[in-house]
Amino acid sequence: VFTTQLIVSELVTNAVVHAPRSGSRFRLAVGNATLRCVVSDDSG
């Protein structure tokens, strides 16, 4: 939780600060031996 929260905080903050007009999408997914955090937005 702690490590993932730090990572997610940074990724979401970047999206909110640098792509404020687009909104963003957040996703967490568990694979066989991985936890993937993805934040996407509409900024190039």
PDB file of all heavy atoms in Angstrom:
ATOM      1  N   VAL A   1       0.819  -1.210   0.000  1.00  0.00           N
ATOM      2  CA  VAL A   1       0.000   0.000   0.000  1.00  0.00           C
ATOM      3  C   VAL A   1       0.855   1.264   0.000  1.00  0.00           C
ATOM      4  O   VAL A   1       0.673   2.148  -0.835  1.00  0.00           O
ATOM      5  CB  VAL A   1      -0.999   0.011   1.182  1.00  0.00           C
ATOM      6  CG1 VAL A   1      -1.622   1.390   1.372  1.00  0.00           C
ATOM      7  CG2 VAL A   1      -2.079  -1.030   0.967  1.00  0.00           C
ATOM      8  N   PHE A   2       1.791   1.383   0.916  1.00  0.00           N
ATOM      9  CA  PHE A   2       2.553   2.626   1.052  1.00  0.00           C
ATOM     10  C   PHE A   2       3.312   2.966  -0.230  1.00  0.00           C
ATOM     11  O   PHE A   2       3.206   4.085  -0.755  1.00  0.00           O
ATOM     12  CB  PHE A   2       3.523   2.535   2.242  1.00  0.00           C
ATOM     13  CG  PHE A   2       4.304   3.787   2.471  1.00  0.00           C
ATOM     14  CD1 PHE A   2       3.704   4.903   3.035  1.00  0.00           C
ATOM     15  CD2 PHE A   2       5.637   3.867   2.108  1.00  0.00           C
ATOM     16  CE1 PHE A   2       4.425   6.075   3.239  1.00  0.00           C
ATOM     17  CE2 PHE A   2       6.362   5.032   2.308  1.00  0.00           C
ATOM     18  CZ  PHE A   2       5.754   6.139   2.874  1.00  0.00           C
ATOM     19  N   THR A   3       4.063   2.017  -0.757  1.00  0.00           N
ATOM     20  CA  THR A   3       4.841   2.256  -1.977  1.00  0.00           C
ATOM     21  C   THR A   3       3.938   2.571  -3.160  1.00  0.00           C
ATOM     22  O   THR A   3       4.194   3.502  -3.923  1.00  0.00           O
ATOM     23  CB  THR A   3       5.722   1.034  -2.300  1.00  0.00           C
ATOM     24  OG1 THR A   3       6.599   0.805  -1.191  1.00  0.00           O
ATOM     25  CG2 THR A   3       6.538   1.252  -3.558  1.00  0.00           C
ATOM     26  N   THR A   4       2.856   1.815  -3.293  1.00  0.00           N
ATOM     27  CA  THR A   4       1.940   2.036  -4.414  1.00  0.00           C
ATOM     28  C   THR A   4       1.264   3.397  -4.288  1.00  0.00           C
ATOM     29  O   THR A   4       1.100   4.113  -5.277  1.00  0.00           O
ATOM     30  CB  THR A   4       0.897   0.910  -4.490  1.00  0.00           C
ATOM     31  OG1 THR A   4       1.583  -0.348  -4.540  1.00  0.00           O
ATOM     32  CG2 THR A   4       0.035   1.046  -5.737  1.00  0.00           C
ATOM     33  N   GLN A   5       0.891   3.783  -3.083  1.00  0.00           N
ATOM     34  CA  GLN A   5       0.285   5.098  -2.886  1.00  0.00           C
ATOM     35  C   GLN A   5       1.245   6.223  -3.288  1.00  0.00           C
ATOM     36  O   GLN A   5       0.827   7.207  -3.892  1.00  0.00           O
ATOM     37  CB  GLN A   5      -0.139   5.299  -1.439  1.00  0.00           C
ATOM     38  CG  GLN A   5      -1.414   4.615  -1.059  1.00  0.00           C
ATOM     39  CD  GLN A   5      -1.797   4.913   0.377  1.00  0.00           C
ATOM     40  OE1 GLN A   5      -0.960   4.876   1.282  1.00  0.00           O
ATOM     41  NE2 GLN A   5      -3.060   5.196   0.592  1.00  0.00           N
ATOM     42  N   LEU A   6       2.513   6.085  -2.957  1.00  0.00           N
ATOM     43  CA  LEU A   6       3.485   7.105  -3.355  1.00  0.00           C
ATOM     44  C   LEU A   6       3.573   7.206  -4.878  1.00  0.00           C
ATOM     45  O   LEU A   6       3.547   8.301  -5.439  1.00  0.00           O
ATOM     46  CB  LEU A   6       4.866   6.790  -2.779  1.00  0.00           C
ATOM     47  CG  LEU A   6       5.072   7.089  -1.315  1.00  0.00           C
ATOM     48  CD1 LEU A   6       6.433   6.584  -0.860  1.00  0.00           C
ATOM     49  CD2 LEU A   6       4.966   8.579  -1.055  1.00  0.00           C
ATOM     50  N   ILE A   7       3.664   6.069  -5.539  1.00  0.00           N
ATOM     51  CA  ILE A   7       3.758   6.056  -6.995  1.00  0.00           C
ATOM     52  C   ILE A   7       2.500   6.646  -7.619  1.00  0.00           C
ATOM     53  O   ILE A   7       2.565   7.515  -8.495  1.00  0.00           O
ATOM     54  CB  ILE A   7       4.016   4.628  -7.504  1.00  0.00           C
ATOM     55  CG1 ILE A   7       5.442   4.202  -7.137  1.00  0.00           C
ATOM     56  CG2 ILE A   7       3.777   4.518  -9.008  1.00  0.00           C
ATOM     57  CD1 ILE A   7       5.740   2.743  -7.382  1.00  0.00           C
ATOM     58  N   VAL A   8       1.352   6.182  -7.172  1.00  0.00           N
ATOM     59  CA  VAL A   8       0.077   6.658  -7.703  1.00  0.00           C
ATOM     60  C   VAL A   8      -0.078   8.164  -7.467  1.00  0.00           C
ATOM     61  O   VAL A   8      -0.523   8.900  -8.355  1.00  0.00           O
ATOM     62  CB  VAL A   8      -1.086   5.862  -7.076  1.00  0.00           C
ATOM     63  CG1 VAL A   8      -2.418   6.539  -7.296  1.00  0.00           C
ATOM     64  CG2 VAL A   8      -1.102   4.451  -7.637  1.00  0.00           C
ATOM     65  N   SER A   9       0.301   8.643  -6.294  1.00  0.00           N
ATOM     66  CA  SER A   9       0.214  10.070  -6.001  1.00  0.00           C
ATOM     67  C   SER A   9       1.008  10.887  -7.004  1.00  0.00           C
ATOM     68  O   SER A   9       0.535  11.915  -7.503  1.00  0.00           O
ATOM     69  CB  SER A   9       0.754  10.373  -4.600  1.00  0.00           C
ATOM     70  OG  SER A   9      -0.082   9.852  -3.624  1.00  0.00           O
ATOM     71  N   GLU A  10       2.207  10.451  -7.297  1.00  0.00           N
ATOM     72  CA  GLU A  10       3.051  11.190  -8.235  1.00  0.00           C
ATOM     73  C   GLU A  10       2.477  11.161  -9.646  1.00  0.00           C
ATOM     74  O   GLU A  10       2.447  12.183 -10.337  1.00  0.00           O
ATOM     75  CB  GLU A  10       4.483  10.644  -8.226  1.00  0.00           C
ATOM     76  CG  GLU A  10       5.200  10.836  -6.914  1.00  0.00           C
ATOM     77  CD  GLU A  10       5.281  12.287  -6.461  1.00  0.00           C
ATOM     78  OE1 GLU A  10       5.280  13.202  -7.316  1.00  0.00           O
ATOM     79  OE2 GLU A  10       5.326  12.520  -5.249  1.00  0.00           O
ATOM     80  N   LEU A  11       2.017   9.994 -10.087  1.00  0.00           N
ATOM     81  CA  LEU A  11       1.480   9.887 -11.450  1.00  0.00           C
ATOM     82  C   LEU A  11       0.196  10.702 -11.613  1.00  0.00           C
ATOM     83  O   LEU A  11       0.015  11.396 -12.620  1.00  0.00           O
ATOM     84  CB  LEU A  11       1.244   8.425 -11.813  1.00  0.00           C
ATOM     85  CG  LEU A  11       2.480   7.516 -11.840  1.00  0.00           C
ATOM     86  CD1 LEU A  11       2.088   6.103 -12.275  1.00  0.00           C
ATOM     87  CD2 LEU A  11       3.576   8.080 -12.709  1.00  0.00           C
ATOM     88  N   VAL A  12      -0.695  10.618 -10.635  1.00  0.00           N
ATOM     89  CA  VAL A  12      -1.951  11.366 -10.718  1.00  0.00           C
ATOM     90  C   VAL A  12      -1.679  12.870 -10.599  1.00  0.00           C
ATOM     91  O   VAL A  12      -2.252  13.665 -11.347  1.00  0.00           O
ATOM     92  CB  VAL A  12      -2.959  10.894  -9.653  1.00  0.00           C
ATOM     93  CG1 VAL A  12      -4.170  11.820  -9.594  1.00  0.00           C
ATOM     94  CG2 VAL A  12      -3.395   9.462  -9.943  1.00  0.00           C
ATOM     95  N   THR A  13      -0.795  13.265  -9.707  1.00  0.00           N
ATOM     96  CA  THR A  13      -0.463  14.680  -9.571  1.00  0.00           C
ATOM     97  C   THR A  13       0.080  15.232 -10.882  1.00  0.00           C
ATOM     98  O   THR A  13      -0.305  16.319 -11.320  1.00  0.00           O
ATOM     99  CB  THR A  13       0.546  14.912  -8.430  1.00  0.00           C
ATOM    100  OG1 THR A  13      -0.051  14.495  -7.206  1.00  0.00           O
ATOM    101  CG2 THR A  13       0.962  16.371  -8.332  1.00  0.00           C
ATOM    102  N   ASN A  14       0.979  14.491 -11.536  1.00  0.00           N
ATOM    103  CA  ASN A  14       1.509  14.942 -12.826  1.00  0.00           C
ATOM    104  C   ASN A  14       0.398  15.130 -13.841  1.00  0.00           C
ATOM    105  O   ASN A  14       0.377  16.117 -14.575  1.00  0.00           O
ATOM    106  CB  ASN A  14       2.544  13.957 -13.371  1.00  0.00           C
ATOM    107  CG  ASN A  14       3.909  14.161 -12.758  1.00  0.00           C
ATOM    108  OD1 ASN A  14       4.157  15.134 -12.071  1.00  0.00           O
ATOM    109  ND2 ASN A  14       4.799  13.225 -13.012  1.00  0.00           N
ATOM    110  N   ALA A  15      -0.529  14.201 -13.899  1.00  0.00           N
ATOM    111  CA  ALA A  15      -1.630  14.312 -14.861  1.00  0.00           C
ATOM    112  C   ALA A  15      -2.501  15.525 -14.549  1.00  0.00           C
ATOM    113  O   ALA A  15      -2.879  16.271 -15.458  1.00  0.00           O
ATOM    114  CB  ALA A  15      -2.466  13.035 -14.855  1.00  0.00           C
ATOM    115  N   VAL A  16      -2.808  15.735 -13.283  1.00  0.00           N
ATOM    116  CA  VAL A  16      -3.672  16.856 -12.901  1.00  0.00           C
ATOM    117  C   VAL A  16      -2.980  18.196 -13.158  1.00  0.00           C
ATOM    118  O   VAL A  16      -3.592  19.138 -13.654  1.00  0.00           O
ATOM    119  CB  VAL A  16      -4.095  16.735 -11.418  1.00  0.00           C
ATOM    120  CG1 VAL A  16      -4.757  18.002 -10.926  1.00  0.00           C
ATOM    121  CG2 VAL A  16      -5.018  15.544 -11.230  1.00  0.00           C
ATOM    122  N   VAL A  17      -1.689  18.281 -12.862  1.00  0.00           N
ATOM    123  CA  VAL A  17      -0.959  19.540 -13.019  1.00  0.00           C
ATOM    124  C   VAL A  17      -0.634  19.831 -14.487  1.00  0.00           C
ATOM    125  O   VAL A  17      -0.774  20.956 -14.953  1.00  0.00           O
ATOM    126  CB  VAL A  17       0.339  19.515 -12.171  1.00  0.00           C
ATOM    127  CG1 VAL A  17       1.248  20.683 -12.500  1.00  0.00           C
ATOM    128  CG2 VAL A  17      -0.010  19.508 -10.687  1.00  0.00           C
ATOM    129  N   HIS A  18      -0.198  18.817 -15.221  1.00  0.00           N
ATOM    130  CA  HIS A  18       0.300  19.043 -16.581  1.00  0.00           C
ATOM    131  C   HIS A  18      -0.718  18.791 -17.683  1.00  0.00           C
ATOM    132  O   HIS A  18      -0.458  19.107 -18.843  1.00  0.00           O
ATOM    133  CB  HIS A  18       1.559  18.212 -16.815  1.00  0.00           C
ATOM    134  CG  HIS A  18       2.670  18.581 -15.883  1.00  0.00           C
ATOM    135  ND1 HIS A  18       3.330  19.789 -15.954  1.00  0.00           N
ATOM    136  CD2 HIS A  18       3.210  17.928 -14.828  1.00  0.00           C
ATOM    137  CE1 HIS A  18       4.236  19.847 -14.995  1.00  0.00           C
ATOM    138  NE2 HIS A  18       4.182  18.736 -14.296  1.00  0.00           N
ATOM    139  N   ALA A  19      -1.858  18.218 -17.355  1.00  0.00           N
ATOM    140  CA  ALA A  19      -2.920  17.990 -18.354  1.00  0.00           C
ATOM    141  C   ALA A  19      -4.271  18.330 -17.734  1.00  0.00           C
ATOM    142  O   ALA A  19      -5.194  17.515 -17.752  1.00  0.00           O
ATOM    143  CB  ALA A  19      -2.884  16.546 -18.836  1.00  0.00           C
ATOM    144  N   PRO A  20      -4.419  19.536 -17.184  1.00  0.00           N
ATOM    145  CA  PRO A  20      -5.619  19.860 -16.420  1.00  0.00           C
ATOM    146  C   PRO A  20      -6.908  19.904 -17.228  1.00  0.00           C
ATOM    147  O   PRO A  20      -7.980  19.748 -16.676  1.00  0.00           O
ATOM    148  CB  PRO A  20      -5.308  21.243 -15.835  1.00  0.00           C
ATOM    149  CG  PRO A  20      -4.306  21.824 -16.762  1.00  0.00           C
ATOM    150  CD  PRO A  20      -3.497  20.653 -17.256  1.00  0.00           C
ATOM    151  N   ARG A  21      -6.813  20.100 -18.523  1.00  0.00           N
ATOM    152  CA  ARG A  21      -8.036  20.200 -19.326  1.00  0.00           C
ATOM    153  C   ARG A  21      -8.580  18.839 -19.737  1.00  0.00           C
ATOM    154  O   ARG A  21      -9.711  18.723 -20.149  1.00  0.00           O
ATOM    155  CB  ARG A  21      -7.773  21.035 -20.571  1.00  0.00           C
ATOM    156  CG  ARG A  21      -7.560  22.493 -20.253  1.00  0.00           C
ATOM    157  CD  ARG A  21      -7.342  23.288 -21.521  1.00  0.00           C
ATOM    158  NE  ARG A  21      -7.002  24.657 -21.251  1.00  0.00           N
ATOM    159  CZ  ARG A  21      -5.772  25.079 -20.956  1.00  0.00           C
ATOM    160  NH1 ARG A  21      -4.779  24.226 -20.886  1.00  0.00           N
ATOM    161  NH2 ARG A  21      -5.550  26.351 -20.729  1.00  0.00           N
ATOM    162  N   SER A  22      -7.764  17.815 -19.641  1.00  0.00           N
ATOM    163  CA  SER A  22      -8.192  16.530 -20.185  1.00  0.00           C
ATOM    164  C   SER A  22      -8.870  15.618 -19.176  1.00  0.00           C
ATOM    165  O   SER A  22      -9.573  14.707 -19.558  1.00  0.00           O
ATOM    166  CB  SER A  22      -6.999  15.800 -20.798  1.00  0.00           C
ATOM    167  OG  SER A  22      -6.139  15.299 -19.802  1.00  0.00           O
ATOM    168  N   GLY A  23      -8.642  15.818 -17.896  1.00  0.00           N
ATOM    169  CA  GLY A  23      -9.045  14.790 -16.947  1.00  0.00           C
ATOM    170  C   GLY A  23      -8.090  13.621 -17.146  1.00  0.00           C
ATOM    171  O   GLY A  23      -7.265  13.630 -18.052  1.00  0.00           O
ATOM    172  N   SER A  24      -8.166  12.641 -16.340  1.00  0.00           N
ATOM    173  CA  SER A  24      -7.246  11.511 -16.491  1.00  0.00           C
ATOM    174  C   SER A  24      -7.948  10.224 -16.115  1.00  0.00           C
ATOM    175  O   SER A  24      -9.035  10.224 -15.558  1.00  0.00           O
ATOM    176  CB  SER A  24      -5.996  11.729 -15.633  1.00  0.00           C
ATOM    177  OG  SER A  24      -6.338  11.989 -14.295  1.00  0.00           O
ATOM    178  N   ARG A  25      -7.306   9.140 -16.448  1.00  0.00           N
ATOM    179  CA  ARG A  25      -7.807   7.812 -16.134  1.00  0.00           C
ATOM    180  C   ARG A  25      -6.748   7.090 -15.310  1.00  0.00           C
ATOM    181  O   ARG A  25      -5.565   7.215 -15.582  1.00  0.00           O
ATOM    182  CB  ARG A  25      -8.123   7.057 -17.416  1.00  0.00           C
ATOM    183  CG  ARG A  25      -9.338   7.691 -18.095  1.00  0.00           C
ATOM    184  CD  ARG A  25      -9.413   7.526 -19.583  1.00  0.00           C
ATOM    185  NE  ARG A  25      -8.262   7.809 -20.401  1.00  0.00           N
ATOM    186  CZ  ARG A  25      -7.894   9.034 -20.829  1.00  0.00           C
ATOM    187  NH1 ARG A  25      -8.544  10.104 -20.455  1.00  0.00           N
ATOM    188  NH2 ARG A  25      -6.868   9.181 -21.620  1.00  0.00           N
ATOM    189  N   PHE A  26      -7.227   6.357 -14.321  1.00  0.00           N
ATOM    190  CA  PHE A  26      -6.348   5.656 -13.389  1.00  0.00           C
ATOM    191  C   PHE A  26      -6.699   4.177 -13.433  1.00  0.00           C
ATOM    192  O   PHE A  26      -7.866   3.816 -13.491  1.00  0.00           O
ATOM    193  CB  PHE A  26      -6.589   6.220 -11.983  1.00  0.00           C
ATOM    194  CG  PHE A  26      -6.039   5.377 -10.877  1.00  0.00           C
ATOM    195  CD1 PHE A  26      -4.684   5.271 -10.681  1.00  0.00           C
ATOM    196  CD2 PHE A  26      -6.895   4.703 -10.022  1.00  0.00           C
ATOM    197  CE1 PHE A  26      -4.182   4.497  -9.649  1.00  0.00           C
ATOM    198  CE2 PHE A  26      -6.408   3.933  -8.987  1.00  0.00           C
ATOM    199  CZ  PHE A  26      -5.043   3.835  -8.809  1.00  0.00           C
ATOM    200  N   ARG A  27      -5.663   3.335 -13.428  1.00  0.00           N
ATOM    201  CA  ARG A  27      -5.921   1.897 -13.450  1.00  0.00           C
ATOM    202  C   ARG A  27      -4.871   1.185 -12.617  1.00  0.00           C
ATOM    203  O   ARG A  27      -3.690   1.513 -12.673  1.00  0.00           O
ATOM    204  CB  ARG A  27      -5.866   1.388 -14.888  1.00  0.00           C
ATOM    205  CG  ARG A  27      -6.257  -0.050 -15.037  1.00  0.00           C
ATOM    206  CD  ARG A  27      -6.479  -0.414 -16.497  1.00  0.00           C
ATOM    207  NE  ARG A  27      -5.337  -0.129 -17.328  1.00  0.00           N
ATOM    208  CZ  ARG A  27      -4.453  -1.047 -17.734  1.00  0.00           C
ATOM    209  NH1 ARG A  27      -4.600  -2.295 -17.412  1.00  0.00           N
ATOM    210  NH2 ARG A  27      -3.441  -0.691 -18.493  1.00  0.00           N
ATOM    211  N   LEU A  28      -5.329   0.217 -11.843  1.00  0.00           N
ATOM    212  CA  LEU A  28      -4.464  -0.724 -11.123  1.00  0.00           C
ATOM    213  C   LEU A  28      -4.802  -2.103 -11.648  1.00  0.00           C
ATOM    214  O   LEU A  28      -5.973  -2.425 -11.831  1.00  0.00           O
ATOM    215  CB  LEU A  28      -4.759  -0.721  -9.622  1.00  0.00           C
ATOM    216  CG  LEU A  28      -4.253   0.407  -8.759  1.00  0.00           C
ATOM    217  CD1 LEU A  28      -4.750   0.221  -7.331  1.00  0.00           C
ATOM    218  CD2 LEU A  28      -2.740   0.477  -8.784  1.00  0.00           C
ATOM    219  N   ALA A  29      -3.790  -2.920 -11.861  1.00  0.00           N
ATOM    220  CA  ALA A  29      -4.034  -4.282 -12.317  1.00  0.00           C
ATOM    221  C   ALA A  29      -2.982  -5.207 -11.718  1.00  0.00           C
ATOM    222  O   ALA A  29      -1.812  -4.847 -11.617  1.00  0.00           O
ATOM    223  CB  ALA A  29      -3.983  -4.358 -13.838  1.00  0.00           C
ATOM    224  N   VAL A  30      -3.417  -6.390 -11.329  1.00  0.00           N
ATOM    225  CA  VAL A  30      -2.513  -7.401 -10.797  1.00  0.00           C
ATOM    226  C   VAL A  30      -2.307  -8.470 -11.855  1.00  0.00           C
ATOM    227  O   VAL A  30      -3.274  -9.005 -12.396  1.00  0.00           O
ATOM    228  CB  VAL A  30      -3.089  -8.045  -9.513  1.00  0.00           C
ATOM    229  CG1 VAL A  30      -2.230  -9.210  -9.066  1.00  0.00           C
ATOM    230  CG2 VAL A  30      -3.179  -7.012  -8.411  1.00  0.00           C
ATOM    231  N   GLY A  31      -1.043  -8.751 -12.144  1.00  0.00           N
ATOM    232  CA  GLY A  31      -0.686  -9.842 -13.038  1.00  0.00           C
ATOM    233  C   GLY A  31      -0.194 -11.014 -12.216  1.00  0.00           C
ATOM    234  O   GLY A  31      -0.415 -11.065 -11.005  1.00  0.00           O
ATOM    235  N   ASN A  32       0.513 -11.930 -12.818  1.00  0.00           N
ATOM    236  CA  ASN A  32       0.983 -13.116 -12.114  1.00  0.00           C
ATOM    237  C   ASN A  32       1.959 -12.758 -10.993  1.00  0.00           C
ATOM    238  O   ASN A  32       1.862 -13.271  -9.900  1.00  0.00           O
ATOM    239  CB  ASN A  32       1.624 -14.104 -13.086  1.00  0.00           C
ATOM    240  CG  ASN A  32       2.033 -15.378 -12.398  1.00  0.00           C
ATOM    241  OD1 ASN A  32       1.355 -15.830 -11.480  1.00  0.00           O
ATOM    242  ND2 ASN A  32       3.134 -15.954 -12.815  1.00  0.00           N
ATOM    243  N   ALA A  33       2.886 -11.864 -11.247  1.00  0.00           N
ATOM    244  CA  ALA A  33       3.839 -11.469 -10.211  1.00  0.00           C
ATOM    245  C   ALA A  33       4.094  -9.968 -10.265  1.00  0.00           C
ATOM    246  O   ALA A  33       5.167  -9.503  -9.892  1.00  0.00           O
ATOM    247  CB  ALA A  33       5.144 -12.245 -10.380  1.00  0.00           C
ATOM    248  N   THR A  34       3.112  -9.215 -10.728  1.00  0.00           N
ATOM    249  CA  THR A  34       3.282  -7.775 -10.858  1.00  0.00           C
ATOM    250  C   THR A  34       2.024  -7.024 -10.447  1.00  0.00           C
ATOM    251  O   THR A  34       0.924  -7.545 -10.517  1.00  0.00           O
ATOM    252  CB  THR A  34       3.606  -7.368 -12.307  1.00  0.00           C
ATOM    253  OG1 THR A  34       2.535  -7.767 -13.169  1.00  0.00           O
ATOM    254  CG2 THR A  34       4.918  -7.969 -12.779  1.00  0.00           C
ATOM    255  N   LEU A  35       2.249  -5.808 -10.041  1.00  0.00           N
ATOM    256  CA  LEU A  35       1.179  -4.852  -9.776  1.00  0.00           C
ATOM    257  C   LEU A  35       1.472  -3.673 -10.685  1.00  0.00           C
ATOM    258  O   LEU A  35       2.551  -3.090 -10.615  1.00  0.00           O
ATOM    259  CB  LEU A  35       1.186  -4.423  -8.312  1.00  0.00           C
ATOM    260  CG  LEU A  35       0.238  -3.302  -7.910  1.00  0.00           C
ATOM    261  CD1 LEU A  35      -1.220  -3.696  -8.166  1.00  0.00           C
ATOM    262  CD2 LEU A  35       0.447  -2.934  -6.452  1.00  0.00           C
ATOM    263  N   ARG A  36       0.541  -3.350 -11.575  1.00  0.00           N
ATOM    264  CA  ARG A  36       0.744  -2.283 -12.553  1.00  0.00           C
ATOM    265  C   ARG A  36      -0.167  -1.110 -12.216  1.00  0.00           C
ATOM    266  O   ARG A  36      -1.360  -1.278 -12.003  1.00  0.00           O
ATOM    267  CB  ARG A  36       0.443  -2.785 -13.955  1.00  0.00           C
ATOM    268  CG  ARG A  36       0.608  -1.722 -15.030  1.00  0.00           C
ATOM    269  CD  ARG A  36       0.351  -2.303 -16.405  1.00  0.00           C
ATOM    270  NE  ARG A  36       1.375  -3.232 -16.785  1.00  0.00           N
ATOM    271  CZ  ARG A  36       2.457  -2.915 -17.495  1.00  0.00           C
ATOM    272  NH1 ARG A  36       2.631  -1.685 -17.902  1.00  0.00           N
ATOM    273  NH2 ARG A  36       3.350  -3.832 -17.803  1.00  0.00           N
ATOM    274  N   CYS A  37       0.421   0.087 -12.191  1.00  0.00           N
ATOM    275  CA  CYS A  37      -0.305   1.340 -11.996  1.00  0.00           C
ATOM    276  C   CYS A  37      -0.183   2.129 -13.294  1.00  0.00           C
ATOM    277  O   CYS A  37       0.921   2.299 -13.802  1.00  0.00           O
ATOM    278  CB  CYS A  37       0.333   2.181 -10.894  1.00  0.00           C
ATOM    279  SG  CYS A  37       0.655   1.310  -9.367  1.00  0.00           S
ATOM    280  N   VAL A  38      -1.307   2.598 -13.814  1.00  0.00           N
ATOM    281  CA  VAL A  38      -1.292   3.361 -15.060  1.00  0.00           C
ATOM    282  C   VAL A  38      -2.152   4.607 -14.884  1.00  0.00           C
ATOM    283  O   VAL A  38      -3.282   4.517 -14.404  1.00  0.00           O
ATOM    284  CB  VAL A  38      -1.848   2.537 -16.245  1.00  0.00           C
ATOM    285  CG1 VAL A  38      -1.778   3.339 -17.533  1.00  0.00           C
ATOM    286  CG2 VAL A  38      -1.139   1.202 -16.382  1.00  0.00           C
ATOM    287  N   VAL A  39      -1.619   5.744 -15.283  1.00  0.00           N
ATOM    288  CA  VAL A  39      -2.388   6.982 -15.321  1.00  0.00           C
ATOM    289  C   VAL A  39      -2.249   7.527 -16.729  1.00  0.00           C
ATOM    290  O   VAL A  39      -1.141   7.740 -17.219  1.00  0.00           O
ATOM    291  CB  VAL A  39      -1.894   8.010 -14.283  1.00  0.00           C
ATOM    292  CG1 VAL A  39      -2.662   9.316 -14.419  1.00  0.00           C
ATOM    293  CG2 VAL A  39      -2.049   7.454 -12.877  1.00  0.00           C
ATOM    294  N   SER A  40      -3.384   7.727 -17.381  1.00  0.00           N
ATOM    295  CA  SER A  40      -3.358   8.242 -18.745  1.00  0.00           C
ATOM    296  C   SER A  40      -4.146   9.541 -18.819  1.00  0.00           C
ATOM    297  O   SER A  40      -5.032   9.798 -18.008  1.00  0.00           O
ATOM    298  CB  SER A  40      -3.921   7.206 -19.720  1.00  0.00           C
ATOM    299  OG  SER A  40      -5.192   6.779 -19.321  1.00  0.00           O
ATOM    300  N   ASP A  41      -3.777  10.361 -19.792  1.00  0.00           N
ATOM    301  CA  ASP A  41      -4.479  11.623 -20.012  1.00  0.00           C
ATOM    302  C   ASP A  41      -4.421  11.955 -21.494  1.00  0.00           C
ATOM    303  O   ASP A  41      -3.816  11.227 -22.273  1.00  0.00           O
ATOM    304  CB  ASP A  41      -3.894  12.747 -19.145  1.00  0.00           C
ATOM    305  CG  ASP A  41      -2.435  13.022 -19.423  1.00  0.00           C
ATOM    306  OD1 ASP A  41      -2.083  13.296 -20.598  1.00  0.00           O
ATOM    307  OD2 ASP A  41      -1.636  12.977 -18.481  1.00  0.00           O
ATOM    308  N   ASP A  42      -5.051  13.046 -21.867  1.00  0.00           N
ATOM    309  CA  ASP A  42      -5.158  13.415 -23.273  1.00  0.00           C
ATOM    310  C   ASP A  42      -4.152  14.473 -23.693  1.00  0.00           C
ATOM    311  O   ASP A  42      -4.314  15.104 -24.735  1.00  0.00           O
ATOM    312  CB  ASP A  42      -6.583  13.895 -23.583  1.00  0.00           C
ATOM    313  CG  ASP A  42      -7.594  12.774 -23.420  1.00  0.00           C
ATOM    314  OD1 ASP A  42      -7.211  11.602 -23.522  1.00  0.00           O
ATOM    315  OD2 ASP A  42      -8.773  13.079 -23.162  1.00  0.00           O
ATOM    316  N   SER A  43      -3.101  14.652 -22.932  1.00  0.00           N
ATOM    317  CA  SER A  43      -2.061  15.602 -23.289  1.00  0.00           C
ATOM    318  C   SER A  43      -0.930  14.882 -24.021  1.00  0.00           C
ATOM    319  O   SER A  43      -0.512  13.800 -23.617  1.00  0.00           O
ATOM    320  CB  SER A  43      -1.498  16.277 -22.031  1.00  0.00           C
ATOM    321  OG  SER A  43      -0.342  17.026 -22.352  1.00  0.00           O
ATOM    322  N   GLY A  44      -0.430  15.502 -25.049  1.00  0.00           N
ATOM    323  CA  GLY A  44       0.701  14.937 -25.776  1.00  0.00           C
ATOM    324  C   GLY A  44       2.038  15.301 -25.164  1.00  0.00           C
ATOM    325  O   GLY A  44       3.079  14.814 -25.594  1.00  0.00           O
TER     326      GLY A  44
END
